[in-house]
């Protein structure tokens, strides 16, 4: 390492005297350094997941570098899927819980075991796709679920889903193909800032901007007081159903007078369609949102009504 010579300007006062006159200087430097360390640590703790969109052509040229999850219904996967894609439809990983709330996701450690059995650990680079139709936004649910689990590897949503893949005349296949070797474990590091519970909503409903992503019929039948209605289909656009761009999403929010100064909480019936909306907001780089994990199914069964 080269030594860098530094020329110091003499002030006429002896070195020891200068240090005595400025005893606060080392303390300030130590304080600044300590603050920097704290800021770096906070940034590491609060860093968002590595989320993004991927174009079909880019995936086609780099398929060996990614594990691909097909979030459509199993029957759709069986009819034809991206080469090597593993079926991962939301219904296969949810159940009715002990309180009778439907569509609750498996407990985190159970999900971790499922992922490890698929050859996936927390650092595996993943591409997720669906069709934003028969999947009911399950591709967004998969992205949200992995983010909540604390996935450390890159997560990419295939831009335009399988319809965009087909539109570029890229190959589809049937069957599982070569199985991935099972991983020893998937290490969960839950990120509670991406969810909200029924109890939190009951205690501080006015602290959130609530968005109901269900159909108009469901909305009319009943809703959480104070919620804004934006159907989940409004979060994608075009024949390939691309997620809204940041500019398009801002316009959608502006039309509904949505307040981004408070955390946005999305809900639907079971947290699937709302997770798609959550994913679109995350991809747009807007302030972080939350998905109401139990959604309307849990709200209807809340205690103290």
C-alpha atoms as a PDB file:
ATOM      1  CA  UNK A   1       0.000   0.000   0.000  1.00  0.00           C
ATOM      2  CA  UNK A   2       1.458   3.404  -0.975  1.00  0.00           C
ATOM      3  CA  UNK A   3       1.956   5.971   1.727  1.00  0.00           C
ATOM      4  CA  UNK A   4       0.235   9.285   1.101  1.00  0.00           C
ATOM      5  CA  UNK A   5       2.128  12.305   2.327  1.00  0.00           C
ATOM      6  CA  UNK A   6       0.039  14.933   4.006  1.00  0.00           C
ATOM      7  CA  UNK A   7       1.409  18.455   4.478  1.00  0.00           C
ATOM      8  CA  UNK A   8       0.224  20.075   7.688  1.00  0.00           C
ATOM      9  CA  UNK A   9       0.118  23.858   7.942  1.00  0.00           C
ATOM     10  CA  UNK A  10       1.909  25.140  11.024  1.00  0.00           C
ATOM     11  CA  UNK A  11      -0.070  27.421  13.269  1.00  0.00           C
ATOM     12  CA  UNK A  12       2.803  28.492  15.456  1.00  0.00           C
ATOM     13  CA  UNK A  13       1.462  26.682  18.521  1.00  0.00           C
ATOM     14  CA  UNK A  14       3.141  23.519  19.819  1.00  0.00           C
ATOM     15  CA  UNK A  15       1.352  20.240  18.925  1.00  0.00           C
ATOM     16  CA  UNK A  16       0.555  19.395  22.544  1.00  0.00           C
ATOM     17  CA  UNK A  17      -0.941  22.831  23.119  1.00  0.00           C
ATOM     18  CA  UNK A  18      -3.173  22.476  20.041  1.00  0.00           C
ATOM     19  CA  UNK A  19      -4.524  19.174  21.392  1.00  0.00           C
ATOM     20  CA  UNK A  20      -5.244  20.735  24.754  1.00  0.00           C
ATOM     21  CA  UNK A  21      -7.161  23.577  23.153  1.00  0.00           C
ATOM     22  CA  UNK A  22      -9.310  21.152  21.102  1.00  0.00           C
ATOM     23  CA  UNK A  23     -10.060  18.152  23.335  1.00  0.00           C
ATOM     24  CA  UNK A  24     -13.519  17.897  21.797  1.00  0.00           C
ATOM     25  CA  UNK A  25     -12.249  17.010  18.311  1.00  0.00           C
ATOM     26  CA  UNK A  26     -11.587  13.285  18.951  1.00  0.00           C
ATOM     27  CA  UNK A  27     -14.965  13.028  20.694  1.00  0.00           C
ATOM     28  CA  UNK A  28     -16.771  14.496  17.691  1.00  0.00           C
ATOM     29  CA  UNK A  29     -14.930  12.127  15.341  1.00  0.00           C
ATOM     30  CA  UNK A  30     -15.822   9.147  17.535  1.00  0.00           C
ATOM     31  CA  UNK A  31     -19.458  10.256  17.668  1.00  0.00           C
ATOM     32  CA  UNK A  32     -19.603  10.642  13.887  1.00  0.00           C
ATOM     33  CA  UNK A  33     -18.005   7.252  13.339  1.00  0.00           C
ATOM     34  CA  UNK A  34     -20.366   5.617  15.821  1.00  0.00           C
ATOM     35  CA  UNK A  35     -23.332   7.230  14.112  1.00  0.00           C
ATOM     36  CA  UNK A  36     -22.121   5.972  10.745  1.00  0.00           C
ATOM     37  CA  UNK A  37     -21.849   2.434  12.082  1.00  0.00           C
ATOM     38  CA  UNK A  38     -25.360   2.643  13.501  1.00  0.00           C
ATOM     39  CA  UNK A  39     -26.716   3.943  10.193  1.00  0.00           C
ATOM     40  CA  UNK A  40     -25.013   1.119   8.278  1.00  0.00           C
ATOM     41  CA  UNK A  41     -26.411  -1.480  10.668  1.00  0.00           C
ATOM     42  CA  UNK A  42     -29.902   0.001  10.451  1.00  0.00           C
ATOM     43  CA  UNK A  43     -29.700   0.031   6.685  1.00  0.00           C
ATOM     44  CA  UNK A  44     -28.682  -3.623   6.685  1.00  0.00           C
ATOM     45  CA  UNK A  45     -31.560  -4.559   8.988  1.00  0.00           C
ATOM     46  CA  UNK A  46     -34.168  -2.508   7.107  1.00  0.00           C
ATOM     47  CA  UNK A  47     -32.970  -3.289   3.575  1.00  0.00           C
ATOM     48  CA  UNK A  48     -35.805  -4.280   1.291  1.00  0.00           C
ATOM     49  CA  UNK A  49     -35.849  -7.624  -0.431  1.00  0.00           C
ATOM     50  CA  UNK A  50     -34.205  -7.926  -3.834  1.00  0.00           C
ATOM     51  CA  UNK A  51     -37.369  -7.675  -5.954  1.00  0.00           C
ATOM     52  CA  UNK A  52     -37.695  -6.823  -9.616  1.00  0.00           C
ATOM     53  CA  UNK A  53     -39.237  -7.592 -12.994  1.00  0.00           C
ATOM     54  CA  UNK A  54     -37.656  -9.868 -15.583  1.00  0.00           C
ATOM     55  CA  UNK A  55     -38.295  -9.856 -19.310  1.00  0.00           C
ATOM     56  CA  UNK A  56     -39.016 -13.253 -20.922  1.00  0.00           C
ATOM     57  CA  UNK A  57     -36.103 -12.893 -23.354  1.00  0.00           C
ATOM     58  CA  UNK A  58     -33.673 -12.266 -20.495  1.00  0.00           C
ATOM     59  CA  UNK A  59     -34.904 -15.323 -18.611  1.00  0.00           C
ATOM     60  CA  UNK A  60     -34.684 -17.485 -21.734  1.00  0.00           C
ATOM     61  CA  UNK A  61     -30.990 -16.689 -22.057  1.00  0.00           C
ATOM     62  CA  UNK A  62     -30.203 -17.346 -18.379  1.00  0.00           C
ATOM     63  CA  UNK A  63     -32.568 -20.128 -17.282  1.00  0.00           C
ATOM     64  CA  UNK A  64     -29.783 -22.184 -15.713  1.00  0.00           C
ATOM     65  CA  UNK A  65     -29.195 -19.403 -13.180  1.00  0.00           C
ATOM     66  CA  UNK A  66     -32.741 -19.363 -11.768  1.00  0.00           C
ATOM     67  CA  UNK A  67     -35.281 -21.629 -10.111  1.00  0.00           C
ATOM     68  CA  UNK A  68     -38.684 -20.933 -11.658  1.00  0.00           C
ATOM     69  CA  UNK A  69     -41.978 -21.089  -9.747  1.00  0.00           C
ATOM     70  CA  UNK A  70     -45.268 -21.425 -11.651  1.00  0.00           C
ATOM     71  CA  UNK A  71     -47.973 -19.843  -9.486  1.00  0.00           C
ATOM     72  CA  UNK A  72     -50.940 -20.891 -11.636  1.00  0.00           C
ATOM     73  CA  UNK A  73     -53.364 -23.681 -10.707  1.00  0.00           C
ATOM     74  CA  UNK A  74     -51.891 -27.169 -11.010  1.00  0.00           C
ATOM     75  CA  UNK A  75     -54.097 -27.974 -13.994  1.00  0.00           C
ATOM     76  CA  UNK A  76     -52.661 -24.988 -15.875  1.00  0.00           C
ATOM     77  CA  UNK A  77     -49.123 -26.087 -15.041  1.00  0.00           C
ATOM     78  CA  UNK A  78     -49.867 -29.607 -16.308  1.00  0.00           C
ATOM     79  CA  UNK A  79     -51.191 -28.225 -19.611  1.00  0.00           C
ATOM     80  CA  UNK A  80     -47.874 -26.489 -20.320  1.00  0.00           C
ATOM     81  CA  UNK A  81     -45.285 -24.484 -18.413  1.00  0.00           C
ATOM     82  CA  UNK A  82     -41.876 -22.868 -18.703  1.00  0.00           C
ATOM     83  CA  UNK A  83     -39.093 -25.477 -18.883  1.00  0.00           C
ATOM     84  CA  UNK A  84     -38.090 -26.582 -15.405  1.00  0.00           C
ATOM     85  CA  UNK A  85     -40.844 -24.608 -13.649  1.00  0.00           C
ATOM     86  CA  UNK A  86     -42.039 -25.969 -10.293  1.00  0.00           C
ATOM     87  CA  UNK A  87     -45.787 -25.711  -9.498  1.00  0.00           C
ATOM     88  CA  UNK A  88     -46.419 -23.306  -6.604  1.00  0.00           C
ATOM     89  CA  UNK A  89     -50.108 -22.366  -6.475  1.00  0.00           C
ATOM     90  CA  UNK A  90     -51.353 -20.612  -3.345  1.00  0.00           C
ATOM     91  CA  UNK A  91     -54.146 -23.130  -2.605  1.00  0.00           C
ATOM     92  CA  UNK A  92     -51.553 -25.877  -2.121  1.00  0.00           C
ATOM     93  CA  UNK A  93     -49.953 -23.998   0.765  1.00  0.00           C
ATOM     94  CA  UNK A  94     -52.965 -22.678   2.692  1.00  0.00           C
ATOM     95  CA  UNK A  95     -55.516 -24.211   5.027  1.00  0.00           C
ATOM     96  CA  UNK A  96     -58.373 -23.284   7.340  1.00  0.00           C
ATOM     97  CA  UNK A  97     -56.928 -22.519  10.769  1.00  0.00           C
ATOM     98  CA  UNK A  98     -58.119 -23.502  14.237  1.00  0.00           C
ATOM     99  CA  UNK A  99     -60.414 -20.446  14.432  1.00  0.00           C
ATOM    100  CA  UNK A 100     -62.138 -21.398  11.203  1.00  0.00           C
ATOM    101  CA  UNK A 101     -60.396 -18.677   9.177  1.00  0.00           C
ATOM    102  CA  UNK A 102     -59.968 -19.905   5.611  1.00  0.00           C
ATOM    103  CA  UNK A 103     -56.936 -19.525   3.370  1.00  0.00           C
ATOM    104  CA  UNK A 104     -54.336 -19.165   6.115  1.00  0.00           C
ATOM    105  CA  UNK A 105     -50.812 -19.808   4.828  1.00  0.00           C
ATOM    106  CA  UNK A 106     -48.867 -22.713   6.289  1.00  0.00           C
ATOM    107  CA  UNK A 107     -46.764 -21.791   9.355  1.00  0.00           C
ATOM    108  CA  UNK A 108     -43.327 -20.411   8.413  1.00  0.00           C
ATOM    109  CA  UNK A 109     -41.353 -23.522   9.371  1.00  0.00           C
ATOM    110  CA  UNK A 110     -43.730 -25.728   7.411  1.00  0.00           C
ATOM    111  CA  UNK A 111     -43.297 -23.482   4.373  1.00  0.00           C
ATOM    112  CA  UNK A 112     -39.539 -23.657   4.890  1.00  0.00           C
ATOM    113  CA  UNK A 113     -39.680 -27.456   4.773  1.00  0.00           C
ATOM    114  CA  UNK A 114     -41.733 -27.331   1.557  1.00  0.00           C
ATOM    115  CA  UNK A 115     -39.241 -24.980  -0.103  1.00  0.00           C
ATOM    116  CA  UNK A 116     -36.250 -27.054   1.011  1.00  0.00           C
ATOM    117  CA  UNK A 117     -37.957 -30.120  -0.458  1.00  0.00           C
ATOM    118  CA  UNK A 118     -38.115 -28.277  -3.786  1.00  0.00           C
ATOM    119  CA  UNK A 119     -34.372 -27.667  -3.714  1.00  0.00           C
ATOM    120  CA  UNK A 120     -34.772 -24.055  -2.602  1.00  0.00           C
ATOM    121  CA  UNK A 121     -32.952 -22.354   0.262  1.00  0.00           C
ATOM    122  CA  UNK A 122     -33.150 -18.738   1.378  1.00  0.00           C
ATOM    123  CA  UNK A 123     -30.398 -17.664  -1.055  1.00  0.00           C
ATOM    124  CA  UNK A 124     -31.770 -19.318  -4.192  1.00  0.00           C
ATOM    125  CA  UNK A 125     -32.446 -16.863  -7.077  1.00  0.00           C
ATOM    126  CA  UNK A 126     -36.124 -17.226  -8.021  1.00  0.00           C
ATOM    127  CA  UNK A 127     -38.330 -16.229 -10.937  1.00  0.00           C
ATOM    128  CA  UNK A 128     -42.086 -16.298 -10.291  1.00  0.00           C
ATOM    129  CA  UNK A 129     -44.810 -16.196 -12.926  1.00  0.00           C
ATOM    130  CA  UNK A 130     -48.559 -16.591 -13.317  1.00  0.00           C
ATOM    131  CA  UNK A 131     -51.171 -15.247 -15.677  1.00  0.00           C
ATOM    132  CA  UNK A 132     -52.914 -12.593 -13.503  1.00  0.00           C
ATOM    133  CA  UNK A 133     -56.155 -14.412 -14.306  1.00  0.00           C
ATOM    134  CA  UNK A 134     -56.732 -18.056 -13.343  1.00  0.00           C
ATOM    135  CA  UNK A 135     -53.973 -17.630 -10.763  1.00  0.00           C
ATOM    136  CA  UNK A 136     -55.982 -14.858  -9.008  1.00  0.00           C
ATOM    137  CA  UNK A 137     -52.751 -12.952  -8.540  1.00  0.00           C
ATOM    138  CA  UNK A 138     -51.015 -15.946  -6.968  1.00  0.00           C
ATOM    139  CA  UNK A 139     -47.728 -14.848  -8.523  1.00  0.00           C
ATOM    140  CA  UNK A 140     -47.898 -11.716  -6.356  1.00  0.00           C
ATOM    141  CA  UNK A 141     -48.825 -13.842  -3.356  1.00  0.00           C
ATOM    142  CA  UNK A 142     -45.748 -16.008  -3.929  1.00  0.00           C
ATOM    143  CA  UNK A 143     -43.518 -12.930  -4.120  1.00  0.00           C
ATOM    144  CA  UNK A 144     -45.064 -11.500  -0.948  1.00  0.00           C
ATOM    145  CA  UNK A 145     -44.837 -14.834   0.905  1.00  0.00           C
ATOM    146  CA  UNK A 146     -41.140 -15.253   0.101  1.00  0.00           C
ATOM    147  CA  UNK A 147     -40.433 -11.652   1.096  1.00  0.00           C
ATOM    148  CA  UNK A 148     -42.258 -12.137   4.397  1.00  0.00           C
ATOM    149  CA  UNK A 149     -40.210 -15.291   5.048  1.00  0.00           C
ATOM    150  CA  UNK A 150     -37.064 -13.200   4.637  1.00  0.00           C
ATOM    151  CA  UNK A 151     -35.796 -14.629   1.359  1.00  0.00           C
ATOM    152  CA  UNK A 152     -32.261 -13.350   0.744  1.00  0.00           C
ATOM    153  CA  UNK A 153     -31.837 -14.372  -2.882  1.00  0.00           C
ATOM    154  CA  UNK A 154     -33.109 -12.335  -5.797  1.00  0.00           C
ATOM    155  CA  UNK A 155     -36.837 -12.609  -6.556  1.00  0.00           C
ATOM    156  CA  UNK A 156     -38.019 -11.692 -10.034  1.00  0.00           C
ATOM    157  CA  UNK A 157     -41.575 -11.511 -11.352  1.00  0.00           C
ATOM    158  CA  UNK A 158     -41.790 -12.506 -15.013  1.00  0.00           C
ATOM    159  CA  UNK A 159     -43.055  -9.349 -16.683  1.00  0.00           C
ATOM    160  CA  UNK A 160     -46.277 -10.176 -18.503  1.00  0.00           C
ATOM    161  CA  UNK A 161     -46.444 -13.704 -17.122  1.00  0.00           C
ATOM    162  CA  UNK A 162     -46.868 -16.793 -19.258  1.00  0.00           C
ATOM    163  CA  UNK A 163     -48.864 -14.855 -21.840  1.00  0.00           C
ATOM    164  CA  UNK A 164     -45.810 -12.667 -22.532  1.00  0.00           C
ATOM    165  CA  UNK A 165     -43.630 -15.797 -22.759  1.00  0.00           C
ATOM    166  CA  UNK A 166     -46.034 -17.281 -25.306  1.00  0.00           C
ATOM    167  CA  UNK A 167     -46.178 -13.964 -27.155  1.00  0.00           C
ATOM    168  CA  UNK A 168     -42.453 -14.241 -27.855  1.00  0.00           C
ATOM    169  CA  UNK A 169     -42.909 -17.827 -29.134  1.00  0.00           C
ATOM    170  CA  UNK A 170     -40.712 -19.220 -26.369  1.00  0.00           C
ATOM    171  CA  UNK A 171     -40.914 -22.940 -25.547  1.00  0.00           C
ATOM    172  CA  UNK A 172     -43.299 -24.599 -23.103  1.00  0.00           C
ATOM    173  CA  UNK A 173     -43.035 -28.113 -21.767  1.00  0.00           C
ATOM    174  CA  UNK A 174     -44.962 -30.691 -19.730  1.00  0.00           C
ATOM    175  CA  UNK A 175     -43.958 -32.776 -16.763  1.00  0.00           C
ATOM    176  CA  UNK A 176     -41.577 -32.021 -13.928  1.00  0.00           C
ATOM    177  CA  UNK A 177     -38.342 -32.636 -15.785  1.00  0.00           C
ATOM    178  CA  UNK A 178     -35.148 -33.011 -13.801  1.00  0.00           C
ATOM    179  CA  UNK A 179     -35.788 -32.708 -10.068  1.00  0.00           C
ATOM    180  CA  UNK A 180     -33.644 -30.339  -8.038  1.00  0.00           C
ATOM    181  CA  UNK A 181     -31.660 -31.878  -5.161  1.00  0.00           C
ATOM    182  CA  UNK A 182     -33.385 -31.170  -1.841  1.00  0.00           C
ATOM    183  CA  UNK A 183     -31.736 -28.592   0.381  1.00  0.00           C
ATOM    184  CA  UNK A 184     -30.941 -29.378   3.996  1.00  0.00           C
ATOM    185  CA  UNK A 185     -32.970 -26.421   5.172  1.00  0.00           C
ATOM    186  CA  UNK A 186     -34.536 -23.085   4.326  1.00  0.00           C
ATOM    187  CA  UNK A 187     -33.635 -20.546   6.994  1.00  0.00           C
ATOM    188  CA  UNK A 188     -36.582 -18.281   7.816  1.00  0.00           C
ATOM    189  CA  UNK A 189     -36.043 -14.708   8.983  1.00  0.00           C
ATOM    190  CA  UNK A 190     -39.560 -13.284   9.197  1.00  0.00           C
ATOM    191  CA  UNK A 191     -40.174  -9.676   8.159  1.00  0.00           C
ATOM    192  CA  UNK A 192     -43.213  -8.599  10.210  1.00  0.00           C
ATOM    193  CA  UNK A 193     -43.281  -5.163   8.563  1.00  0.00           C
ATOM    194  CA  UNK A 194     -44.837  -6.756   5.488  1.00  0.00           C
ATOM    195  CA  UNK A 195     -47.973  -8.013   7.233  1.00  0.00           C
ATOM    196  CA  UNK A 196     -50.670  -6.685   9.511  1.00  0.00           C
ATOM    197  CA  UNK A 197     -52.830  -8.717  11.881  1.00  0.00           C
ATOM    198  CA  UNK A 198     -56.495  -8.399  12.750  1.00  0.00           C
ATOM    199  CA  UNK A 199     -55.573  -7.229  16.237  1.00  0.00           C
ATOM    200  CA  UNK A 200     -53.331  -4.474  14.865  1.00  0.00           C
ATOM    201  CA  UNK A 201     -56.093  -3.258  12.564  1.00  0.00           C
ATOM    202  CA  UNK A 202     -58.626  -3.242  15.377  1.00  0.00           C
ATOM    203  CA  UNK A 203     -56.283  -1.314  17.666  1.00  0.00           C
ATOM    204  CA  UNK A 204     -55.087   1.298  15.154  1.00  0.00           C
ATOM    205  CA  UNK A 205     -57.232   1.219  12.035  1.00  0.00           C
ATOM    206  CA  UNK A 206     -56.864   4.986  11.572  1.00  0.00           C
ATOM    207  CA  UNK A 207     -53.084   4.591  11.325  1.00  0.00           C
ATOM    208  CA  UNK A 208     -53.328   2.827   7.964  1.00  0.00           C
ATOM    209  CA  UNK A 209     -54.671   3.541   4.507  1.00  0.00           C
ATOM    210  CA  UNK A 210     -56.849   0.504   3.814  1.00  0.00           C
ATOM    211  CA  UNK A 211     -57.343  -0.749   0.259  1.00  0.00           C
ATOM    212  CA  UNK A 212     -59.958  -3.411  -0.522  1.00  0.00           C
ATOM    213  CA  UNK A 213     -58.868  -5.291  -3.667  1.00  0.00           C
ATOM    214  CA  UNK A 214     -61.939  -7.547  -3.969  1.00  0.00           C
ATOM    215  CA  UNK A 215     -64.633  -7.407  -6.625  1.00  0.00           C
ATOM    216  CA  UNK A 216     -67.357  -4.750  -6.582  1.00  0.00           C
ATOM    217  CA  UNK A 217     -69.899  -7.407  -5.572  1.00  0.00           C
ATOM    218  CA  UNK A 218     -67.792  -8.449  -2.561  1.00  0.00           C
ATOM    219  CA  UNK A 219     -67.250  -4.788  -1.647  1.00  0.00           C
ATOM    220  CA  UNK A 220     -70.985  -4.047  -1.665  1.00  0.00           C
ATOM    221  CA  UNK A 221     -71.741  -7.067   0.550  1.00  0.00           C
ATOM    222  CA  UNK A 222     -69.423  -5.814   3.310  1.00  0.00           C
ATOM    223  CA  UNK A 223     -66.087  -4.148   3.914  1.00  0.00           C
ATOM    224  CA  UNK A 224     -63.755  -2.864   6.593  1.00  0.00           C
ATOM    225  CA  UNK A 225     -64.863   0.660   7.581  1.00  0.00           C
ATOM    226  CA  UNK A 226     -62.765   3.396   6.007  1.00  0.00           C
ATOM    227  CA  UNK A 227     -61.369   1.215   3.218  1.00  0.00           C
ATOM    228  CA  UNK A 228     -60.873   2.433  -0.362  1.00  0.00           C
ATOM    229  CA  UNK A 229     -62.025   0.098  -3.123  1.00  0.00           C
ATOM    230  CA  UNK A 230     -59.472  -0.652  -5.880  1.00  0.00           C
ATOM    231  CA  UNK A 231     -60.037  -4.085  -7.512  1.00  0.00           C
ATOM    232  CA  UNK A 232     -56.839  -6.053  -7.889  1.00  0.00           C
ATOM    233  CA  UNK A 233     -57.241  -6.228 -11.671  1.00  0.00           C
ATOM    234  CA  UNK A 234     -56.601  -2.470 -11.759  1.00  0.00           C
ATOM    235  CA  UNK A 235     -52.997  -3.165 -10.739  1.00  0.00           C
ATOM    236  CA  UNK A 236     -52.093  -4.731 -14.098  1.00  0.00           C
ATOM    237  CA  UNK A 237     -52.586  -3.547 -17.659  1.00  0.00           C
ATOM    238  CA  UNK A 238     -52.432  -4.601 -21.316  1.00  0.00           C
ATOM    239  CA  UNK A 239     -53.103  -7.896 -23.044  1.00  0.00           C
ATOM    240  CA  UNK A 240     -50.135  -9.463 -21.237  1.00  0.00           C
ATOM    241  CA  UNK A 241     -51.319  -8.061 -17.897  1.00  0.00           C
ATOM    242  CA  UNK A 242     -48.080  -6.314 -17.006  1.00  0.00           C
ATOM    243  CA  UNK A 243     -47.894  -4.848 -13.494  1.00  0.00           C
ATOM    244  CA  UNK A 244     -48.519  -1.109 -13.521  1.00  0.00           C
ATOM    245  CA  UNK A 245     -45.438   1.030 -13.965  1.00  0.00           C
ATOM    246  CA  UNK A 246     -44.581   3.492 -11.162  1.00  0.00           C
ATOM    247  CA  UNK A 247     -46.167   6.367 -13.132  1.00  0.00           C
ATOM    248  CA  UNK A 248     -49.335   4.365 -13.847  1.00  0.00           C
ATOM    249  CA  UNK A 249     -49.629   3.286 -10.219  1.00  0.00           C
ATOM    250  CA  UNK A 250     -49.281   6.877  -9.006  1.00  0.00           C
ATOM    251  CA  UNK A 251     -52.090   7.906 -11.357  1.00  0.00           C
ATOM    252  CA  UNK A 252     -54.277   5.079 -10.045  1.00  0.00           C
ATOM    253  CA  UNK A 253     -53.659   6.199  -6.475  1.00  0.00           C
ATOM    254  CA  UNK A 254     -54.356   9.819  -7.378  1.00  0.00           C
ATOM    255  CA  UNK A 255     -57.732   8.890  -8.893  1.00  0.00           C
ATOM    256  CA  UNK A 256     -58.705   7.313  -5.585  1.00  0.00           C
ATOM    257  CA  UNK A 257     -57.161  10.031  -3.379  1.00  0.00           C
ATOM    258  CA  UNK A 258     -55.040   7.378  -1.722  1.00  0.00           C
ATOM    259  CA  UNK A 259     -52.977   8.732   1.185  1.00  0.00           C
ATOM    260  CA  UNK A 260     -49.376   7.471   1.025  1.00  0.00           C
ATOM    261  CA  UNK A 261     -48.348   9.348   4.160  1.00  0.00           C
ATOM    262  CA  UNK A 262     -49.713   6.388   6.131  1.00  0.00           C
ATOM    263  CA  UNK A 263     -48.748   2.739   5.537  1.00  0.00           C
ATOM    264  CA  UNK A 264     -50.999   1.167   2.911  1.00  0.00           C
ATOM    265  CA  UNK A 265     -52.678  -2.088   3.954  1.00  0.00           C
ATOM    266  CA  UNK A 266     -54.147  -4.276   1.219  1.00  0.00           C
ATOM    267  CA  UNK A 267     -56.792  -6.913   1.818  1.00  0.00           C
ATOM    268  CA  UNK A 268     -59.088  -9.207  -0.157  1.00  0.00           C
ATOM    269  CA  UNK A 269     -60.810 -12.424   0.962  1.00  0.00           C
ATOM    270  CA  UNK A 270     -57.764 -14.458   1.930  1.00  0.00           C
ATOM    271  CA  UNK A 271     -54.738 -12.275   1.206  1.00  0.00           C
ATOM    272  CA  UNK A 272     -53.959 -13.494  -2.339  1.00  0.00           C
ATOM    273  CA  UNK A 273     -55.299 -10.758  -4.618  1.00  0.00           C
ATOM    274  CA  UNK A 274     -54.187  -8.170  -2.059  1.00  0.00           C
ATOM    275  CA  UNK A 275     -50.666  -9.641  -2.149  1.00  0.00           C
ATOM    276  CA  UNK A 276     -50.593  -9.014  -5.901  1.00  0.00           C
ATOM    277  CA  UNK A 277     -51.393  -5.336  -5.284  1.00  0.00           C
ATOM    278  CA  UNK A 278     -48.716  -5.290  -2.554  1.00  0.00           C
ATOM    279  CA  UNK A 279     -46.172  -6.685  -5.001  1.00  0.00           C
ATOM    280  CA  UNK A 280     -46.985  -4.059  -7.627  1.00  0.00           C
ATOM    281  CA  UNK A 281     -46.471  -1.290  -5.074  1.00  0.00           C
ATOM    282  CA  UNK A 282     -43.152  -2.788  -3.979  1.00  0.00           C
ATOM    283  CA  UNK A 283     -41.957  -3.086  -7.575  1.00  0.00           C
ATOM    284  CA  UNK A 284     -42.911   0.559  -8.178  1.00  0.00           C
ATOM    285  CA  UNK A 285     -40.540   1.689  -5.437  1.00  0.00           C
ATOM    286  CA  UNK A 286     -43.264   3.502  -3.501  1.00  0.00           C
ATOM    287  CA  UNK A 287     -43.373   3.499   0.324  1.00  0.00           C
ATOM    288  CA  UNK A 288     -43.610  -0.008   1.705  1.00  0.00           C
ATOM    289  CA  UNK A 289     -47.057  -1.492   2.138  1.00  0.00           C
ATOM    290  CA  UNK A 290     -48.489  -4.360   4.162  1.00  0.00           C
ATOM    291  CA  UNK A 291     -50.665  -7.306   3.276  1.00  0.00           C
ATOM    292  CA  UNK A 292     -53.488  -8.200   5.663  1.00  0.00           C
ATOM    293  CA  UNK A 293     -52.646 -11.878   5.958  1.00  0.00           C
ATOM    294  CA  UNK A 294     -56.067 -12.996   7.182  1.00  0.00           C
ATOM    295  CA  UNK A 295     -57.975 -10.419   5.121  1.00  0.00           C
ATOM    296  CA  UNK A 296     -61.786 -10.400   5.077  1.00  0.00           C
ATOM    297  CA  UNK A 297     -61.988 -14.066   6.120  1.00  0.00           C
ATOM    298  CA  UNK A 298     -60.245 -13.149   9.386  1.00  0.00           C
ATOM    299  CA  UNK A 299     -61.973  -9.783   9.820  1.00  0.00           C
ATOM    300  CA  UNK A 300     -65.395 -11.449   9.814  1.00  0.00           C
ATOM    301  CA  UNK A 301     -64.306 -13.735  12.657  1.00  0.00           C
ATOM    302  CA  UNK A 302     -62.563 -11.077  14.747  1.00  0.00           C
ATOM    303  CA  UNK A 303     -63.189 -10.992  18.461  1.00  0.00           C
ATOM    304  CA  UNK A 304     -64.915  -8.089  20.207  1.00  0.00           C
ATOM    305  CA  UNK A 305     -67.155  -7.146  17.314  1.00  0.00           C
END
